[in-house]
Amino acid sequence: MKNKENVTLDTFSVLNSAGWFLTIANIAGITQLSWEKIGTYWLVLLLICLATAIIDPLVKKGGDKDGEK
């Protein structure tokens, strides 16, 4: 597998879809979760995205040994 970024996008898509399912299922009365737990899920997902956005450029910055000429 050459492009590792596809794995990250697919993982995020699954987590995002799970969040929407929890939200819609709670509105429909299928689940008995509190809104605080669903909000916490979305907040944690946002924090993971922010951490990835901050750490990713730092890791890629040090990984290029050839450099541009």
N, C-alpha and C. Protein backbone atom coordinates (compact mmCIF):
# COMPACT_ATOMS: atom_id res chain seq x y z
N MET A 1 0.85 -1.17 0.00
CA MET A 1 0.00 0.00 0.00
C MET A 1 0.90 1.24 0.00
N LYS A 2 0.84 2.00 -1.06
CA LYS A 2 1.74 3.14 -1.19
C LYS A 2 1.27 4.37 -0.42
N ASN A 3 -0.02 4.67 -0.50
CA ASN A 3 -0.53 5.90 0.09
C ASN A 3 -1.13 5.61 1.47
N LYS A 4 -0.42 5.97 2.52
CA LYS A 4 -0.89 5.72 3.88
C LYS A 4 -2.00 6.68 4.29
N GLU A 5 -2.14 7.81 3.59
CA GLU A 5 -3.16 8.80 3.95
C GLU A 5 -4.57 8.26 3.73
N ASN A 6 -4.75 7.34 2.80
CA ASN A 6 -6.08 6.75 2.57
C ASN A 6 -6.57 6.01 3.79
N VAL A 7 -5.66 5.38 4.52
CA VAL A 7 -6.05 4.65 5.73
C VAL A 7 -6.59 5.64 6.76
N THR A 8 -5.95 6.79 6.91
CA THR A 8 -6.40 7.80 7.86
C THR A 8 -7.77 8.34 7.46
N LEU A 9 -7.97 8.62 6.21
CA LEU A 9 -9.25 9.13 5.76
C LEU A 9 -10.36 8.10 5.95
N ASP A 10 -10.07 6.84 5.68
CA ASP A 10 -11.07 5.80 5.85
C ASP A 10 -11.43 5.64 7.33
N THR A 11 -10.44 5.68 8.19
CA THR A 11 -10.70 5.57 9.63
C THR A 11 -11.56 6.73 10.10
N PHE A 12 -11.24 7.93 9.66
CA PHE A 12 -12.04 9.09 10.04
C PHE A 12 -13.47 8.96 9.52
N SER A 13 -13.63 8.45 8.32
CA SER A 13 -14.98 8.30 7.76
C SER A 13 -15.81 7.34 8.59
N VAL A 14 -15.20 6.26 9.05
CA VAL A 14 -15.93 5.28 9.87
C VAL A 14 -16.32 5.91 11.21
N LEU A 15 -15.39 6.62 11.84
CA LEU A 15 -15.68 7.27 13.12
C LEU A 15 -16.75 8.35 12.96
N ASN A 16 -16.69 9.09 11.86
CA ASN A 16 -17.67 10.13 11.59
C ASN A 16 -19.06 9.51 11.36
N SER A 17 -19.10 8.42 10.60
CA SER A 17 -20.38 7.75 10.35
C SER A 17 -20.97 7.19 11.64
N ALA A 18 -20.12 6.67 12.51
CA ALA A 18 -20.60 6.16 13.79
C ALA A 18 -21.19 7.29 14.63
N GLY A 19 -20.57 8.45 14.59
CA GLY A 19 -21.09 9.60 15.32
C GLY A 19 -22.44 10.04 14.81
N TRP A 20 -22.60 10.07 13.49
CA TRP A 20 -23.89 10.44 12.93
C TRP A 20 -24.96 9.40 13.25
N PHE A 21 -24.57 8.11 13.24
CA PHE A 21 -25.52 7.06 13.60
C PHE A 21 -25.99 7.24 15.05
N LEU A 22 -25.04 7.51 15.95
CA LEU A 22 -25.41 7.72 17.35
C LEU A 22 -26.36 8.91 17.51
N THR A 23 -26.07 9.98 16.78
CA THR A 23 -26.91 11.18 16.88
C THR A 23 -28.32 10.92 16.35
N ILE A 24 -28.41 10.34 15.16
CA ILE A 24 -29.72 10.09 14.56
C ILE A 24 -30.49 9.03 15.34
N ALA A 25 -29.78 7.99 15.81
CA ALA A 25 -30.46 6.95 16.58
C ALA A 25 -30.98 7.50 17.90
N ASN A 26 -30.30 8.45 18.48
CA ASN A 26 -30.77 9.05 19.73
C ASN A 26 -31.99 9.94 19.47
N ILE A 27 -31.99 10.65 18.35
CA ILE A 27 -33.14 11.47 18.01
C ILE A 27 -34.37 10.58 17.77
N ALA A 28 -34.16 9.45 17.10
CA ALA A 28 -35.26 8.54 16.79
C ALA A 28 -35.71 7.72 17.99
N GLY A 29 -34.95 7.77 19.07
CA GLY A 29 -35.32 7.02 20.27
C GLY A 29 -34.85 5.58 20.26
N ILE A 30 -33.95 5.23 19.34
CA ILE A 30 -33.44 3.86 19.26
C ILE A 30 -32.48 3.59 20.42
N THR A 31 -31.64 4.56 20.73
CA THR A 31 -30.67 4.41 21.82
C THR A 31 -31.12 5.22 23.02
N GLN A 32 -30.59 4.90 24.16
CA GLN A 32 -30.91 5.61 25.40
C GLN A 32 -29.69 6.35 25.94
N LEU A 33 -28.81 6.78 25.03
CA LEU A 33 -27.61 7.50 25.45
C LEU A 33 -27.96 8.94 25.83
N SER A 34 -27.21 9.47 26.76
CA SER A 34 -27.42 10.88 27.10
C SER A 34 -26.75 11.74 26.04
N TRP A 35 -27.26 12.95 25.89
CA TRP A 35 -26.68 13.86 24.90
C TRP A 35 -25.28 14.27 25.29
N GLU A 36 -24.95 14.21 26.57
CA GLU A 36 -23.60 14.54 27.01
C GLU A 36 -22.60 13.53 26.47
N LYS A 37 -22.98 12.26 26.45
CA LYS A 37 -22.07 11.23 25.94
C LYS A 37 -21.87 11.37 24.43
N ILE A 38 -22.92 11.70 23.72
CA ILE A 38 -22.79 11.89 22.28
C ILE A 38 -21.96 13.14 21.98
N GLY A 39 -22.19 14.19 22.74
CA GLY A 39 -21.38 15.40 22.58
C GLY A 39 -19.92 15.16 22.91
N THR A 40 -19.67 14.34 23.91
CA THR A 40 -18.29 13.98 24.26
C THR A 40 -17.63 13.20 23.14
N TYR A 41 -18.37 12.30 22.51
CA TYR A 41 -17.85 11.55 21.37
C TYR A 41 -17.40 12.50 20.26
N TRP A 42 -18.25 13.48 19.93
CA TRP A 42 -17.91 14.43 18.88
C TRP A 42 -16.71 15.30 19.29
N LEU A 43 -16.65 15.67 20.55
CA LEU A 43 -15.53 16.48 21.03
C LEU A 43 -14.22 15.70 20.95
N VAL A 44 -14.24 14.45 21.34
CA VAL A 44 -13.03 13.62 21.26
C VAL A 44 -12.62 13.43 19.81
N LEU A 45 -13.58 13.23 18.90
CA LEU A 45 -13.26 13.11 17.49
C LEU A 45 -12.63 14.39 16.95
N LEU A 46 -13.14 15.53 17.38
CA LEU A 46 -12.56 16.81 16.98
C LEU A 46 -11.14 16.96 17.51
N LEU A 47 -10.90 16.56 18.75
CA LEU A 47 -9.57 16.65 19.34
C LEU A 47 -8.58 15.73 18.62
N ILE A 48 -9.04 14.55 18.22
CA ILE A 48 -8.17 13.65 17.47
C ILE A 48 -7.80 14.27 16.13
N CYS A 49 -8.76 14.91 15.47
CA CYS A 49 -8.49 15.57 14.19
C CYS A 49 -7.50 16.72 14.36
N LEU A 50 -7.68 17.50 15.40
CA LEU A 50 -6.77 18.62 15.64
C LEU A 50 -5.37 18.12 15.97
N ALA A 51 -5.27 17.08 16.78
CA ALA A 51 -3.96 16.53 17.12
C ALA A 51 -3.27 15.97 15.87
N THR A 52 -4.04 15.32 15.01
CA THR A 52 -3.47 14.80 13.77
C THR A 52 -3.00 15.93 12.87
N ALA A 53 -3.79 16.99 12.80
CA ALA A 53 -3.42 18.14 11.96
C ALA A 53 -2.17 18.85 12.47
N ILE A 54 -1.95 18.83 13.77
CA ILE A 54 -0.77 19.48 14.34
C ILE A 54 0.46 18.58 14.23
N ILE A 55 0.30 17.30 14.50
CA ILE A 55 1.44 16.38 14.53
C ILE A 55 1.89 15.99 13.12
N ASP A 56 0.97 15.84 12.19
CA ASP A 56 1.30 15.37 10.84
C ASP A 56 2.36 16.22 10.14
N PRO A 57 2.26 17.54 10.10
CA PRO A 57 3.31 18.33 9.44
C PRO A 57 4.67 18.21 10.14
N LEU A 58 4.65 18.04 11.45
CA LEU A 58 5.91 17.91 12.18
C LEU A 58 6.62 16.61 11.82
N VAL A 59 5.86 15.56 11.65
CA VAL A 59 6.44 14.27 11.30
C VAL A 59 6.93 14.29 9.86
N LYS A 60 6.16 14.86 8.96
CA LYS A 60 6.55 14.90 7.55
C LYS A 60 7.72 15.84 7.32
N LYS A 61 7.89 16.84 8.14
CA LYS A 61 8.98 17.80 8.00
C LYS A 61 10.33 17.11 8.18
N GLY A 62 10.45 16.25 9.15
CA GLY A 62 11.73 15.59 9.41
C GLY A 62 11.95 14.35 8.59
N GLY A 63 10.97 13.90 7.82
CA GLY A 63 11.11 12.65 7.11
C GLY A 63 11.79 12.74 5.76
N ASP A 64 11.91 13.94 5.18
CA ASP A 64 12.49 14.09 3.85
C ASP A 64 14.00 14.29 3.98
N LYS A 65 14.77 13.27 3.64
CA LYS A 65 16.23 13.36 3.75
C LYS A 65 16.88 13.88 2.47
N ASP A 66 16.20 13.69 1.32
CA ASP A 66 16.79 14.13 0.06
C ASP A 66 16.71 15.64 -0.10
N GLY A 67 15.60 16.21 0.25
CA GLY A 67 15.43 17.66 0.15
C GLY A 67 15.30 18.12 -1.28
N GLU A 68 14.94 19.38 -1.44
CA GLU A 68 14.84 19.95 -2.78
C GLU A 68 16.17 20.60 -3.13
N LYS A 69 16.50 20.53 -4.43
CA LYS A 69 17.79 21.09 -4.85
C LYS A 69 17.59 22.29 -5.72
